[in-house]
Protein backbone atom coordinates (compact mmCIF):
# COMPACT_ATOMS: atom_id res chain seq x y z
CA UNK A 1 242.57 43.87 59.00
CA UNK A 2 243.06 47.59 59.72
CA UNK A 3 245.28 46.74 62.65
CA UNK A 4 247.52 44.64 60.40
CA UNK A 5 247.71 47.43 57.81
CA UNK A 6 248.49 49.90 60.61
CA UNK A 7 251.31 47.69 61.90
CA UNK A 8 252.75 47.32 58.39
CA UNK A 9 252.64 51.09 57.89
CA UNK A 10 254.35 51.68 61.25
CA UNK A 11 257.06 49.13 60.45
CA UNK A 12 257.57 50.72 57.02
CA UNK A 13 257.87 54.17 58.60
CA UNK A 14 260.34 52.82 61.14
CA UNK A 15 262.45 51.28 58.35
CA UNK A 16 262.39 54.61 56.50
CA UNK A 17 263.55 56.41 59.66
CA UNK A 18 266.39 53.93 60.13
CA UNK A 19 267.36 54.21 56.46
CA UNK A 20 267.39 58.01 56.62
CA UNK A 21 269.53 57.89 59.77
CA UNK A 22 272.00 55.60 58.03
CA UNK A 23 272.11 57.89 54.99
CA UNK A 24 272.75 60.90 57.24
CA UNK A 25 275.56 59.07 59.08
CA UNK A 26 277.13 57.98 55.78
CA UNK A 27 276.99 61.51 54.42
CA UNK A 28 278.57 62.87 57.59
CA UNK A 29 281.42 60.37 57.24
CA UNK A 30 281.91 61.29 53.57
CA UNK A 31 281.88 64.99 54.39
CA UNK A 32 284.39 64.41 57.19
CA UNK A 33 286.66 62.46 54.84
CA UNK A 34 286.45 65.35 52.39
CA UNK A 35 287.63 67.67 55.17
CA UNK A 36 290.68 65.50 55.78
CA UNK A 37 291.38 65.40 52.07
CA UNK A 38 291.28 69.20 51.82
CA UNK A 39 293.72 69.62 54.71
CA UNK A 40 296.08 66.98 53.32
CA UNK A 41 296.01 68.74 49.94
CA UNK A 42 296.87 72.06 51.61
CA UNK A 43 299.81 70.39 53.34
CA UNK A 44 300.96 68.77 50.10
CA UNK A 45 300.83 72.15 48.34
CA UNK A 46 302.89 73.78 51.11
CA UNK A 47 305.63 71.14 51.10
CA UNK A 48 307.45 72.27 47.90
CA UNK A 49 307.72 75.85 49.23
CA UNK A 50 309.02 74.62 52.57
CA UNK A 51 311.57 72.35 50.93
CA UNK A 52 312.85 75.04 48.57
CA UNK A 53 313.31 77.46 51.46
CA UNK A 54 315.19 74.94 53.58
CA UNK A 55 317.12 73.57 50.61
CA UNK A 56 318.97 76.84 50.13
CA UNK A 57 320.40 76.62 53.62
CA UNK A 58 320.98 72.90 53.84
CA UNK A 59 322.02 71.81 50.37
CA UNK A 60 323.94 68.81 51.70
CA UNK A 61 320.73 67.26 53.08
CA UNK A 62 319.50 66.29 49.61
CA UNK A 63 318.38 62.82 50.70
CA UNK A 64 315.98 64.21 53.28
CA UNK A 65 314.35 66.49 50.72
CA UNK A 66 314.06 63.73 48.16
CA UNK A 67 312.43 61.48 50.77
CA UNK A 68 309.82 64.14 51.61
CA UNK A 69 309.01 64.72 47.94
CA UNK A 70 308.75 60.97 47.31
CA UNK A 71 306.46 60.48 50.32
CA UNK A 72 304.33 63.48 49.28
CA UNK A 73 303.87 61.99 45.82
CA UNK A 74 303.04 58.58 47.29
CA UNK A 75 300.44 60.11 49.61
CA UNK A 76 298.78 61.93 46.74
CA UNK A 77 298.74 58.72 44.65
CA UNK A 78 296.66 56.78 47.20
CA UNK A 79 293.12 56.19 45.85
CA UNK A 80 290.48 58.47 47.36
CA UNK A 81 288.55 55.74 49.22
CA UNK A 82 291.58 53.95 50.71
CA UNK A 83 291.47 55.30 54.27
CA UNK A 84 294.05 52.87 55.68
CA UNK A 85 296.46 53.42 52.80
CA UNK A 86 296.11 57.18 53.03
CA UNK A 87 296.60 57.11 56.81
CA UNK A 88 299.80 55.09 56.43
CA UNK A 89 301.18 57.33 53.66
CA UNK A 90 300.33 60.52 55.55
CA UNK A 91 301.90 59.15 58.74
CA UNK A 92 305.17 58.57 56.92
CA UNK A 93 304.96 62.01 55.31
CA UNK A 94 304.34 63.66 58.68
CA UNK A 95 307.38 61.95 60.11
CA UNK A 96 309.52 63.12 57.18
CA UNK A 97 308.22 66.69 57.59
CA UNK A 98 309.31 66.52 61.21
CA UNK A 99 312.82 65.80 59.96
CA UNK A 100 312.71 68.93 57.79
CA UNK A 101 311.65 71.06 60.76
CA UNK A 102 314.32 69.46 62.97
CA UNK A 103 316.88 70.05 60.23
CA UNK A 104 315.98 73.72 60.15
CA UNK A 105 316.71 74.01 63.87
CA UNK A 106 320.39 73.36 63.10
CA UNK A 107 320.62 76.46 60.88
CA UNK A 108 320.22 79.71 62.87
CA UNK A 109 320.04 81.83 59.71
CA UNK A 110 317.21 79.67 58.43
CA UNK A 111 315.31 79.91 61.70
CA UNK A 112 315.52 83.69 61.45
CA UNK A 113 314.37 83.72 57.82
CA UNK A 114 310.88 85.23 57.61
CA UNK A 115 309.78 82.99 54.73
CA UNK A 116 310.75 79.88 56.66
CA UNK A 117 309.04 81.13 59.81
CA UNK A 118 305.83 81.79 57.88
CA UNK A 119 305.98 78.40 56.17
CA UNK A 120 306.64 76.65 59.46
CA UNK A 121 303.72 78.47 61.10
CA UNK A 122 301.49 77.55 58.15
CA UNK A 123 302.56 73.93 58.40
CA UNK A 124 301.87 73.87 62.14
CA UNK A 125 298.42 75.34 61.54
CA UNK A 126 297.67 72.81 58.82
CA UNK A 127 298.89 69.93 61.01
CA UNK A 128 296.55 71.12 63.75
CA UNK A 129 293.66 71.32 61.29
CA UNK A 130 294.49 67.83 59.99
CA UNK A 131 294.36 66.54 63.55
CA UNK A 132 290.94 68.16 64.08
CA UNK A 133 289.72 66.79 60.73
CA UNK A 134 290.90 63.30 61.66
CA UNK A 135 289.06 63.45 64.96
CA UNK A 136 285.90 64.68 63.23
CA UNK A 137 286.15 61.94 60.59
CA UNK A 138 286.77 59.24 63.18
CA UNK A 139 283.76 60.48 65.16
CA UNK A 140 281.57 60.39 62.05
CA UNK A 141 282.91 56.93 61.17
CA UNK A 142 282.19 55.76 64.72
CA UNK A 143 278.62 57.05 64.55
CA UNK A 144 278.05 55.31 61.21
CA UNK A 145 279.64 52.09 62.46
CA UNK A 146 277.44 52.07 65.57
CA UNK A 147 274.34 52.54 63.43
CA UNK A 148 275.41 49.86 60.94
CA UNK A 149 276.13 47.32 63.69
CA UNK A 150 273.33 47.96 66.17
CA UNK A 151 269.99 46.19 66.10
CA UNK A 152 267.58 46.73 64.32
CA UNK A 153 269.60 49.14 62.15
CA UNK A 154 271.88 46.28 61.08
CA UNK A 155 268.92 44.58 59.39
CA UNK A 156 268.18 47.67 57.30
CA UNK A 157 271.89 48.44 56.73
CA UNK A 158 272.51 44.94 55.38
CA UNK A 159 269.55 45.13 53.03
CA UNK A 160 270.58 48.50 51.57
CA UNK A 161 274.35 47.96 51.37
CA UNK A 162 275.52 50.20 54.20
CA UNK A 163 278.91 49.18 55.56
CA UNK A 164 281.32 50.18 58.29
CA UNK A 165 283.99 52.83 57.71
CA UNK A 166 287.65 52.44 58.56
CA UNK A 167 289.14 54.81 61.09
CA UNK A 168 291.90 57.17 60.01
CA UNK A 169 294.64 56.15 62.38
CA UNK A 170 298.33 55.47 62.49
CA UNK A 171 298.86 51.74 62.35
CA UNK A 172 302.63 51.63 62.69
CA UNK A 173 303.91 52.64 66.15
CA UNK A 174 307.14 53.89 64.57
CA UNK A 175 305.13 56.60 62.76
CA UNK A 176 304.29 58.10 66.17
CA UNK A 177 307.94 58.48 67.10
CA UNK A 178 309.64 61.86 67.18
CA UNK A 179 311.92 62.08 64.14
CA UNK A 180 315.66 62.25 64.66
CA UNK A 181 318.05 64.11 62.43
CA UNK A 182 321.75 63.29 62.37
CA UNK A 183 324.43 65.42 60.76
């Protein structure tokens, strides 16, 4: 009888350990997603300043600026938990921002402008931090997914509603392409 009670207690403790590991992995993924969200917000806040600076030099490129603003607004409108939708919107926005930077290369006065240089450096820093945040999130999502799918964790995960996370990745190969700007 005591052996049976001992086995039940050990199994219960093991289930608690698995559950706590799943909770930790889920929290890491949520924290990582929050990091991406913060970096994307910083980029979205920088975009209007960048556009206004470039706009003064390249007034005839109105369509490019309108596209960036539209894509920025679309990216911010994606619901917080929609990883795939946010990844797609941010990929398009990143491509449009590349057009703005390429556009600036055609205007020597703009390239020499200190405000533009500072904005461009800030944008490059933020893009680098977004990349690091994406890698961290995808690593946390991978760890959670492995725990959710592996045995015996999958038995506990299924019982307590743990599910896999989507990776934050670019789905459309065209989003990876270097933007081209034509005058």
